[in-house]
Amino acid sequence: IDVDGSITYTDSVKGRFTISKDNGKKTLYLQMNSLKPED
């Protein structure tokens, strides 16, 4: 997540991973779905 809020993923995880943040909790998350052995 860049300074302006834009989000970027590496190609291998697009459509499977989601990055997000909760400013109130000061917590960063990475939701990982459809995991593969190469992850």
ModelCIF file with pLDDT and N, C-alpha, C, O atoms, coordinates in Angstrom:
data_MODEL
#
_entry.id   MODEL 
#
_entity.id                         1 
_entity.type                       polymer 
_entity.pdbx_number_of_molecules   1 
#
_entity_poly.entity_id                      1 
_entity_poly.type                           'polypeptide(L)' 
_entity_poly.nstd_linkage                   no 
_entity_poly.nstd_monomer                   no 
_entity_poly.pdbx_seq_one_letter_code       IDVDGSITYTDSVKGRFTISKDNGKKTLYLQMNSLKPED 
_entity_poly.pdbx_seq_one_letter_code_can   IDVDGSITYTDSVKGRFTISKDNGKKTLYLQMNSLKPED 
_entity_poly.pdbx_strand_id                 A 
#
loop_
_entity_poly_seq.entity_id 
_entity_poly_seq.num 
_entity_poly_seq.mon_id 
_entity_poly_seq.hetero 
1 1  ILE n 
1 2  ASP n 
1 3  VAL n 
1 4  ASP n 
1 5  GLY n 
1 6  SER n 
1 7  ILE n 
1 8  THR n 
1 9  TYR n 
1 10 THR n 
1 11 ASP n 
1 12 SER n 
1 13 VAL n 
1 14 LYS n 
1 15 GLY n 
1 16 ARG n 
1 17 PHE n 
1 18 THR n 
1 19 ILE n 
1 20 SER n 
1 21 LYS n 
1 22 ASP n 
1 23 ASN n 
1 24 GLY n 
1 25 LYS n 
1 26 LYS n 
1 27 THR n 
1 28 LEU n 
1 29 TYR n 
1 30 LEU n 
1 31 GLN n 
1 32 MET n 
1 33 ASN n 
1 34 SER n 
1 35 LEU n 
1 36 LYS n 
1 37 PRO n 
1 38 GLU n 
1 39 ASP n 
#
_struct_asym.id          A 
_struct_asym.entity_id   1 
#
loop_
_ma_qa_metric.id 
_ma_qa_metric.mode 
_ma_qa_metric.name 
_ma_qa_metric.software_group_id 
_ma_qa_metric.type 
1 global pLDDT . pLDDT 
2 local  pLDDT . pLDDT 
#
_ma_qa_metric_global.metric_id      1 
_ma_qa_metric_global.metric_value   93.90 
_ma_qa_metric_global.model_id       1 
_ma_qa_metric_global.ordinal_id     1 
#
loop_
_ma_qa_metric_local.label_asym_id 
_ma_qa_metric_local.label_comp_id 
_ma_qa_metric_local.label_seq_id 
_ma_qa_metric_local.metric_id 
_ma_qa_metric_local.metric_value 
_ma_qa_metric_local.model_id 
_ma_qa_metric_local.ordinal_id 
A ILE 1  2 93.00 1 1  
A ASP 2  2 90.00 1 2  
A VAL 3  2 85.00 1 3  
A ASP 4  2 87.00 1 4  
A GLY 5  2 88.00 1 5  
A SER 6  2 93.00 1 6  
A ILE 7  2 96.00 1 7  
A THR 8  2 97.00 1 8  
A TYR 9  2 98.00 1 9  
A THR 10 2 98.00 1 10 
A ASP 11 2 98.00 1 11 
A SER 12 2 98.00 1 12 
A VAL 13 2 98.00 1 13 
A LYS 14 2 98.00 1 14 
A GLY 15 2 98.00 1 15 
A ARG 16 2 98.00 1 16 
A PHE 17 2 98.00 1 17 
A THR 18 2 98.00 1 18 
A ILE 19 2 97.00 1 19 
A SER 20 2 95.00 1 20 
A LYS 21 2 91.00 1 21 
A ASP 22 2 87.00 1 22 
A ASN 23 2 79.00 1 23 
A GLY 24 2 80.00 1 24 
A LYS 25 2 84.00 1 25 
A LYS 26 2 83.00 1 26 
A THR 27 2 89.00 1 27 
A LEU 28 2 93.00 1 28 
A TYR 29 2 96.00 1 29 
A LEU 30 2 98.00 1 30 
A GLN 31 2 98.00 1 31 
A MET 32 2 98.00 1 32 
A ASN 33 2 98.00 1 33 
A SER 34 2 98.00 1 34 
A LEU 35 2 98.00 1 35 
A LYS 36 2 98.00 1 36 
A PRO 37 2 98.00 1 37 
A GLU 38 2 97.00 1 38 
A ASP 39 2 98.00 1 39 
#
loop_
_atom_site.group_PDB 
_atom_site.id 
_atom_site.type_symbol 
_atom_site.label_atom_id 
_atom_site.label_alt_id 
_atom_site.label_comp_id 
_atom_site.label_asym_id 
_atom_site.label_entity_id 
_atom_site.label_seq_id 
_atom_site.pdbx_PDB_ins_code 
_atom_site.Cartn_x 
_atom_site.Cartn_y 
_atom_site.Cartn_z 
_atom_site.occupancy 
_atom_site.B_iso_or_equiv 
_atom_site.pdbx_formal_charge 
_atom_site.auth_seq_id 
_atom_site.auth_comp_id 
_atom_site.auth_asym_id 
_atom_site.auth_atom_id 
_atom_site.pdbx_PDB_model_num 
ATOM 1   N N  . ILE A 1 1  ? 0.872  -1.175  0.000   1.00 93.00 ? 1  ILE A N  1 
ATOM 2   C CA . ILE A 1 1  ? 0.000  0.000   0.000   1.00 93.00 ? 1  ILE A CA 1 
ATOM 3   C C  . ILE A 1 1  ? 0.903  1.217   0.000   1.00 93.00 ? 1  ILE A C  1 
ATOM 4   O O  . ILE A 1 1  ? 1.675  1.425   0.935   1.00 93.00 ? 1  ILE A O  1 
ATOM 5   N N  . ASP A 1 2  ? 0.806  2.012   -1.038  1.00 90.00 ? 2  ASP A N  1 
ATOM 6   C CA . ASP A 1 2  ? 1.678  3.159   -1.179  1.00 90.00 ? 2  ASP A CA 1 
ATOM 7   C C  . ASP A 1 2  ? 1.175  4.330   -0.328  1.00 90.00 ? 2  ASP A C  1 
ATOM 8   O O  . ASP A 1 2  ? 0.112  4.260   0.289   1.00 90.00 ? 2  ASP A O  1 
ATOM 9   N N  . VAL A 1 3  ? 1.955  5.388   -0.313  1.00 85.00 ? 3  VAL A N  1 
ATOM 10  C CA . VAL A 1 3  ? 1.627  6.568   0.480   1.00 85.00 ? 3  VAL A CA 1 
ATOM 11  C C  . VAL A 1 3  ? 0.254  7.137   0.112   1.00 85.00 ? 3  VAL A C  1 
ATOM 12  O O  . VAL A 1 3  ? -0.476 7.617   0.980   1.00 85.00 ? 3  VAL A O  1 
ATOM 13  N N  . ASP A 1 4  ? -0.092 7.082   -1.175  1.00 87.00 ? 4  ASP A N  1 
ATOM 14  C CA . ASP A 1 4  ? -1.367 7.630   -1.633  1.00 87.00 ? 4  ASP A CA 1 
ATOM 15  C C  . ASP A 1 4  ? -2.525 6.652   -1.502  1.00 87.00 ? 4  ASP A C  1 
ATOM 16  O O  . ASP A 1 4  ? -3.646 6.965   -1.904  1.00 87.00 ? 4  ASP A O  1 
ATOM 17  N N  . GLY A 1 5  ? -2.271 5.480   -0.948  1.00 88.00 ? 5  GLY A N  1 
ATOM 18  C CA . GLY A 1 5  ? -3.305 4.482   -0.757  1.00 88.00 ? 5  GLY A CA 1 
ATOM 19  C C  . GLY A 1 5  ? -3.433 3.467   -1.871  1.00 88.00 ? 5  GLY A C  1 
ATOM 20  O O  . GLY A 1 5  ? -4.195 2.508   -1.744  1.00 88.00 ? 5  GLY A O  1 
ATOM 21  N N  . SER A 1 6  ? -2.719 3.649   -2.938  1.00 93.00 ? 6  SER A N  1 
ATOM 22  C CA . SER A 1 6  ? -2.784 2.709   -4.045  1.00 93.00 ? 6  SER A CA 1 
ATOM 23  C C  . SER A 1 6  ? -2.205 1.361   -3.631  1.00 93.00 ? 6  SER A C  1 
ATOM 24  O O  . SER A 1 6  ? -1.282 1.293   -2.820  1.00 93.00 ? 6  SER A O  1 
ATOM 25  N N  . ILE A 1 7  ? -2.749 0.305   -4.187  1.00 96.00 ? 7  ILE A N  1 
ATOM 26  C CA . ILE A 1 7  ? -2.369 -1.052  -3.824  1.00 96.00 ? 7  ILE A CA 1 
ATOM 27  C C  . ILE A 1 7  ? -1.744 -1.757  -5.014  1.00 96.00 ? 7  ILE A C  1 
ATOM 28  O O  . ILE A 1 7  ? -2.224 -1.650  -6.143  1.00 96.00 ? 7  ILE A O  1 
ATOM 29  N N  . THR A 1 8  ? -0.683 -2.466  -4.748  1.00 97.00 ? 8  THR A N  1 
ATOM 30  C CA . THR A 1 8  ? 0.024  -3.200  -5.782  1.00 97.00 ? 8  THR A CA 1 
ATOM 31  C C  . THR A 1 8  ? 0.284  -4.622  -5.312  1.00 97.00 ? 8  THR A C  1 
ATOM 32  O O  . THR A 1 8  ? 0.640  -4.850  -4.156  1.00 97.00 ? 8  THR A O  1 
ATOM 33  N N  . TYR A 1 9  ? 0.104  -5.579  -6.220  1.00 98.00 ? 9  TYR A N  1 
ATOM 34  C CA . TYR A 1 9  ? 0.394  -6.973  -5.947  1.00 98.00 ? 9  TYR A CA 1 
ATOM 35  C C  . TYR A 1 9  ? 1.386  -7.505  -6.964  1.00 98.00 ? 9  TYR A C  1 
ATOM 36  O O  . TYR A 1 9  ? 1.415  -7.068  -8.114  1.00 98.00 ? 9  TYR A O  1 
ATOM 37  N N  . THR A 1 10 ? 2.185  -8.441  -6.529  1.00 98.00 ? 10 THR A N  1 
ATOM 38  C CA . THR A 1 10 ? 3.002  -9.144  -7.491  1.00 98.00 ? 10 THR A CA 1 
ATOM 39  C C  . THR A 1 10 ? 2.088  -10.064 -8.297  1.00 98.00 ? 10 THR A C  1 
ATOM 40  O O  . THR A 1 10 ? 1.070  -10.532 -7.788  1.00 98.00 ? 10 THR A O  1 
ATOM 41  N N  . ASP A 1 11 ? 2.447  -10.320 -9.536  1.00 98.00 ? 11 ASP A N  1 
ATOM 42  C CA . ASP A 1 11 ? 1.562  -11.034 -10.448 1.00 98.00 ? 11 ASP A CA 1 
ATOM 43  C C  . ASP A 1 11 ? 1.118  -12.401 -9.924  1.00 98.00 ? 11 ASP A C  1 
ATOM 44  O O  . ASP A 1 11 ? -0.021 -12.814 -10.146 1.00 98.00 ? 11 ASP A O  1 
ATOM 45  N N  . SER A 1 12 ? 1.996  -13.084 -9.246  1.00 98.00 ? 12 SER A N  1 
ATOM 46  C CA . SER A 1 12 ? 1.708  -14.448 -8.827  1.00 98.00 ? 12 SER A CA 1 
ATOM 47  C C  . SER A 1 12 ? 0.603  -14.560 -7.777  1.00 98.00 ? 12 SER A C  1 
ATOM 48  O O  . SER A 1 12 ? 0.073  -15.650 -7.560  1.00 98.00 ? 12 SER A O  1 
ATOM 49  N N  . VAL A 1 13 ? 0.247  -13.458 -7.127  1.00 98.00 ? 13 VAL A N  1 
ATOM 50  C CA . VAL A 1 13 ? -0.776 -13.518 -6.084  1.00 98.00 ? 13 VAL A CA 1 
ATOM 51  C C  . VAL A 1 13 ? -2.035 -12.746 -6.434  1.00 98.00 ? 13 VAL A C  1 
ATOM 52  O O  . VAL A 1 13 ? -2.986 -12.736 -5.652  1.00 98.00 ? 13 VAL A O  1 
ATOM 53  N N  . LYS A 1 14 ? -2.062 -12.105 -7.578  1.00 98.00 ? 14 LYS A N  1 
ATOM 54  C CA . LYS A 1 14 ? -3.235 -11.332 -7.981  1.00 98.00 ? 14 LYS A CA 1 
ATOM 55  C C  . LYS A 1 14 ? -4.468 -12.225 -8.068  1.00 98.00 ? 14 LYS A C  1 
ATOM 56  O O  . LYS A 1 14 ? -4.431 -13.313 -8.644  1.00 98.00 ? 14 LYS A O  1 
ATOM 57  N N  . GLY A 1 15 ? -5.545 -11.746 -7.489  1.00 98.00 ? 15 GLY A N  1 
ATOM 58  C CA . GLY A 1 15 ? -6.773 -12.509 -7.474  1.00 98.00 ? 15 GLY A CA 1 
ATOM 59  C C  . GLY A 1 15 ? -6.883 -13.475 -6.328  1.00 98.00 ? 15 GLY A C  1 
ATOM 60  O O  . GLY A 1 15 ? -7.951 -14.043 -6.098  1.00 98.00 ? 15 GLY A O  1 
ATOM 61  N N  . ARG A 1 16 ? -5.798 -13.676 -5.600  1.00 98.00 ? 16 ARG A N  1 
ATOM 62  C CA . ARG A 1 16 ? -5.799 -14.619 -4.487  1.00 98.00 ? 16 ARG A CA 1 
ATOM 63  C C  . ARG A 1 16 ? -5.524 -13.940 -3.144  1.00 98.00 ? 16 ARG A C  1 
ATOM 64  O O  . ARG A 1 16 ? -6.097 -14.324 -2.124  1.00 98.00 ? 16 ARG A O  1 
ATOM 65  N N  . PHE A 1 17 ? -4.661 -12.944 -3.143  1.00 98.00 ? 17 PHE A N  1 
ATOM 66  C CA . PHE A 1 17 ? -4.281 -12.255 -1.911  1.00 98.00 ? 17 PHE A CA 1 
ATOM 67  C C  . PHE A 1 17 ? -4.909 -10.871 -1.872  1.00 98.00 ? 17 PHE A C  1 
ATOM 68  O O  . PHE A 1 17 ? -5.120 -10.237 -2.906  1.00 98.00 ? 17 PHE A O  1 
ATOM 69  N N  . THR A 1 18 ? -5.203 -10.417 -0.668  1.00 98.00 ? 18 THR A N  1 
ATOM 70  C CA . THR A 1 18 ? -5.739 -9.082  -0.473  1.00 98.00 ? 18 THR A CA 1 
ATOM 71  C C  . THR A 1 18 ? -5.033 -8.415  0.697   1.00 98.00 ? 18 THR A C  1 
ATOM 72  O O  . THR A 1 18 ? -5.017 -8.945  1.807   1.00 98.00 ? 18 THR A O  1 
ATOM 73  N N  . ILE A 1 19 ? -4.456 -7.263  0.445   1.00 97.00 ? 19 ILE A N  1 
ATOM 74  C CA . ILE A 1 19 ? -3.820 -6.494  1.506   1.00 97.00 ? 19 ILE A CA 1 
ATOM 75  C C  . ILE A 1 19 ? -4.799 -5.427  1.983   1.00 97.00 ? 19 ILE A C  1 
ATOM 76  O O  . ILE A 1 19 ? -5.521 -4.831  1.184   1.00 97.00 ? 19 ILE A O  1 
ATOM 77  N N  . SER A 1 20 ? -4.816 -5.198  3.269   1.00 95.00 ? 20 SER A N  1 
ATOM 78  C CA . SER A 1 20 ? -5.691 -4.187  3.832   1.00 95.00 ? 20 SER A CA 1 
ATOM 79  C C  . SER A 1 20 ? -5.111 -3.692  5.138   1.00 95.00 ? 20 SER A C  1 
ATOM 80  O O  . SER A 1 20 ? -4.165 -4.272  5.670   1.00 95.00 ? 20 SER A O  1 
ATOM 81  N N  . LYS A 1 21 ? -5.676 -2.631  5.644   1.00 91.00 ? 21 LYS A N  1 
ATOM 82  C CA . LYS A 1 21 ? -5.220 -2.095  6.918   1.00 91.00 ? 21 LYS A CA 1 
ATOM 83  C C  . LYS A 1 21 ? -6.388 -1.559  7.717   1.00 91.00 ? 21 LYS A C  1 
ATOM 84  O O  . LYS A 1 21 ? -7.408 -1.143  7.166   1.00 91.00 ? 21 LYS A O  1 
ATOM 85  N N  . ASP A 1 22 ? -6.219 -1.577  9.009   1.00 87.00 ? 22 ASP A N  1 
ATOM 86  C CA . ASP A 1 22 ? -7.187 -1.010  9.931   1.00 87.00 ? 22 ASP A CA 1 
ATOM 87  C C  . ASP A 1 22 ? -6.446 0.073   10.701  1.00 87.00 ? 22 ASP A C  1 
ATOM 88  O O  . ASP A 1 22 ? -5.650 -0.215  11.594  1.00 87.00 ? 22 ASP A O  1 
ATOM 89  N N  . ASN A 1 23 ? -6.716 1.306   10.344  1.00 79.00 ? 23 ASN A N  1 
ATOM 90  C CA . ASN A 1 23 ? -5.983 2.410   10.963  1.00 79.00 ? 23 ASN A CA 1 
ATOM 91  C C  . ASN A 1 23 ? -6.281 2.546   12.451  1.00 79.00 ? 23 ASN A C  1 
ATOM 92  O O  . ASN A 1 23 ? -5.404 2.915   13.233  1.00 79.00 ? 23 ASN A O  1 
ATOM 93  N N  . GLY A 1 24 ? -7.514 2.250   12.840  1.00 80.00 ? 24 GLY A N  1 
ATOM 94  C CA . GLY A 1 24 ? -7.865 2.332   14.242  1.00 80.00 ? 24 GLY A CA 1 
ATOM 95  C C  . GLY A 1 24 ? -7.107 1.335   15.092  1.00 80.00 ? 24 GLY A C  1 
ATOM 96  O O  . GLY A 1 24 ? -6.681 1.650   16.203  1.00 80.00 ? 24 GLY A O  1 
ATOM 97  N N  . LYS A 1 25 ? -6.940 0.132   14.567  1.00 84.00 ? 25 LYS A N  1 
ATOM 98  C CA . LYS A 1 25 ? -6.216 -0.913  15.281  1.00 84.00 ? 25 LYS A CA 1 
ATOM 99  C C  . LYS A 1 25 ? -4.725 -0.895  14.986  1.00 84.00 ? 25 LYS A C  1 
ATOM 100 O O  . LYS A 1 25 ? -3.954 -1.648  15.582  1.00 84.00 ? 25 LYS A O  1 
ATOM 101 N N  . LYS A 1 26 ? -4.327 -0.033  14.063  1.00 83.00 ? 26 LYS A N  1 
ATOM 102 C CA . LYS A 1 26 ? -2.927 0.048   13.638  1.00 83.00 ? 26 LYS A CA 1 
ATOM 103 C C  . LYS A 1 26 ? -2.413 -1.329  13.243  1.00 83.00 ? 26 LYS A C  1 
ATOM 104 O O  . LYS A 1 26 ? -1.362 -1.782  13.698  1.00 83.00 ? 26 LYS A O  1 
ATOM 105 N N  . THR A 1 27 ? -3.177 -1.970  12.395  1.00 89.00 ? 27 THR A N  1 
ATOM 106 C CA . THR A 1 27 ? -2.866 -3.330  11.984  1.00 89.00 ? 27 THR A CA 1 
ATOM 107 C C  . THR A 1 27 ? -2.940 -3.470  10.471  1.00 89.00 ? 27 THR A C  1 
ATOM 108 O O  . THR A 1 27 ? -3.866 -2.967  9.835   1.00 89.00 ? 27 THR A O  1 
ATOM 109 N N  . LEU A 1 28 ? -1.976 -4.143  9.917   1.00 93.00 ? 28 LEU A N  1 
ATOM 110 C CA . LEU A 1 28 ? -1.920 -4.462  8.503   1.00 93.00 ? 28 LEU A CA 1 
ATOM 111 C C  . LEU A 1 28 ? -2.258 -5.938  8.326   1.00 93.00 ? 28 LEU A C  1 
ATOM 112 O O  . LEU A 1 28 ? -1.830 -6.776  9.120   1.00 93.00 ? 28 LEU A O  1 
ATOM 113 N N  . TYR A 1 29 ? -3.025 -6.257  7.284   1.00 96.00 ? 29 TYR A N  1 
ATOM 114 C CA . TYR A 1 29 ? -3.458 -7.630  7.053   1.00 96.00 ? 29 TYR A CA 1 
ATOM 115 C C  . TYR A 1 29 ? -3.073 -8.103  5.658   1.00 96.00 ? 29 TYR A C  1 
ATOM 116 O O  . TYR A 1 29 ? -2.920 -7.310  4.729   1.00 96.00 ? 29 TYR A O  1 
ATOM 117 N N  . LEU A 1 30 ? -2.925 -9.394  5.543   1.00 98.00 ? 30 LEU A N  1 
ATOM 118 C CA . LEU A 1 30 ? -2.798 -10.025 4.245   1.00 98.00 ? 30 LEU A CA 1 
ATOM 119 C C  . LEU A 1 30 ? -3.679 -11.266 4.248   1.00 98.00 ? 30 LEU A C  1 
ATOM 120 O O  . LEU A 1 30 ? -3.352 -12.274 4.874   1.00 98.00 ? 30 LEU A O  1 
ATOM 121 N N  . GLN A 1 31 ? -4.799 -11.179 3.542   1.00 98.00 ? 31 GLN A N  1 
ATOM 122 C CA . GLN A 1 31 ? -5.676 -12.322 3.384   1.00 98.00 ? 31 GLN A CA 1 
ATOM 123 C C  . GLN A 1 31 ? -5.183 -13.139 2.205   1.00 98.00 ? 31 GLN A C  1 
ATOM 124 O O  . GLN A 1 31 ? -5.070 -12.625 1.092   1.00 98.00 ? 31 GLN A O  1 
ATOM 125 N N  . MET A 1 32 ? -4.892 -14.395 2.441   1.00 98.00 ? 32 MET A N  1 
ATOM 126 C CA . MET A 1 32 ? -4.339 -15.268 1.425   1.00 98.00 ? 32 MET A CA 1 
ATOM 127 C C  . MET A 1 32 ? -5.311 -16.412 1.172   1.00 98.00 ? 32 MET A C  1 
ATOM 128 O O  . MET A 1 32 ? -5.553 -17.240 2.050   1.00 98.00 ? 32 MET A O  1 
ATOM 129 N N  . ASN A 1 33 ? -5.861 -16.449 -0.024  1.00 98.00 ? 33 ASN A N  1 
ATOM 130 C CA . ASN A 1 33 ? -6.783 -17.497 -0.422  1.00 98.00 ? 33 ASN A CA 1 
ATOM 131 C C  . ASN A 1 33 ? -6.179 -18.328 -1.544  1.00 98.00 ? 33 ASN A C  1 
ATOM 132 O O  . ASN A 1 33 ? -5.218 -17.918 -2.195  1.00 98.00 ? 33 ASN A O  1 
ATOM 133 N N  . SER A 1 34 ? -6.754 -19.493 -1.754  1.00 98.00 ? 34 SER A N  1 
ATOM 134 C CA . SER A 1 34 ? -6.294 -20.388 -2.817  1.00 98.00 ? 34 SER A CA 1 
ATOM 135 C C  . SER A 1 34 ? -4.787 -20.579 -2.778  1.00 98.00 ? 34 SER A C  1 
ATOM 136 O O  . SER A 1 34 ? -4.109 -20.474 -3.800  1.00 98.00 ? 34 SER A O  1 
ATOM 137 N N  . LEU A 1 35 ? -4.285 -20.855 -1.614  1.00 98.00 ? 35 LEU A N  1 
ATOM 138 C CA . LEU A 1 35 ? -2.844 -20.975 -1.434  1.00 98.00 ? 35 LEU A CA 1 
ATOM 139 C C  . LEU A 1 35 ? -2.266 -22.132 -2.237  1.00 98.00 ? 35 LEU A C  1 
ATOM 140 O O  . LEU A 1 35 ? -2.895 -23.176 -2.407  1.00 98.00 ? 35 LEU A O  1 
ATOM 141 N N  . LYS A 1 36 ? -1.062 -21.916 -2.719  1.00 98.00 ? 36 LYS A N  1 
ATOM 142 C CA . LYS A 1 36 ? -0.348 -22.888 -3.518  1.00 98.00 ? 36 LYS A CA 1 
ATOM 143 C C  . LYS A 1 36 ? 0.963  -23.246 -2.833  1.00 98.00 ? 36 LYS A C  1 
ATOM 144 O O  . LYS A 1 36 ? 1.477  -22.458 -2.040  1.00 98.00 ? 36 LYS A O  1 
ATOM 145 N N  . PRO A 1 37 ? 1.508  -24.414 -3.125  1.00 98.00 ? 37 PRO A N  1 
ATOM 146 C CA . PRO A 1 37 ? 2.794  -24.786 -2.518  1.00 98.00 ? 37 PRO A CA 1 
ATOM 147 C C  . PRO A 1 37 ? 3.889  -23.749 -2.758  1.00 98.00 ? 37 PRO A C  1 
ATOM 148 O O  . PRO A 1 37 ? 4.744  -23.546 -1.896  1.00 98.00 ? 37 PRO A O  1 
ATOM 149 N N  . GLU A 1 38 ? 3.874  -23.102 -3.898  1.00 97.00 ? 38 GLU A N  1 
ATOM 150 C CA . GLU A 1 38 ? 4.879  -22.094 -4.197  1.00 97.00 ? 38 GLU A CA 1 
ATOM 151 C C  . GLU A 1 38 ? 4.737  -20.824 -3.366  1.00 97.00 ? 38 GLU A C  1 
ATOM 152 O O  . GLU A 1 38 ? 5.600  -19.948 -3.424  1.00 97.00 ? 38 GLU A O  1 
ATOM 153 N N  . ASP A 1 39 ? 3.662  -20.717 -2.596  1.00 98.00 ? 39 ASP A N  1 
ATOM 154 C CA . ASP A 1 39 ? 3.508  -19.607 -1.668  1.00 98.00 ? 39 ASP A CA 1 
ATOM 155 C C  . ASP A 1 39 ? 4.263  -19.844 -0.366  1.00 98.00 ? 39 ASP A C  1 
ATOM 156 O O  . ASP A 1 39 ? 4.234  -18.997 0.527   1.00 98.00 ? 39 ASP A O  1 
#
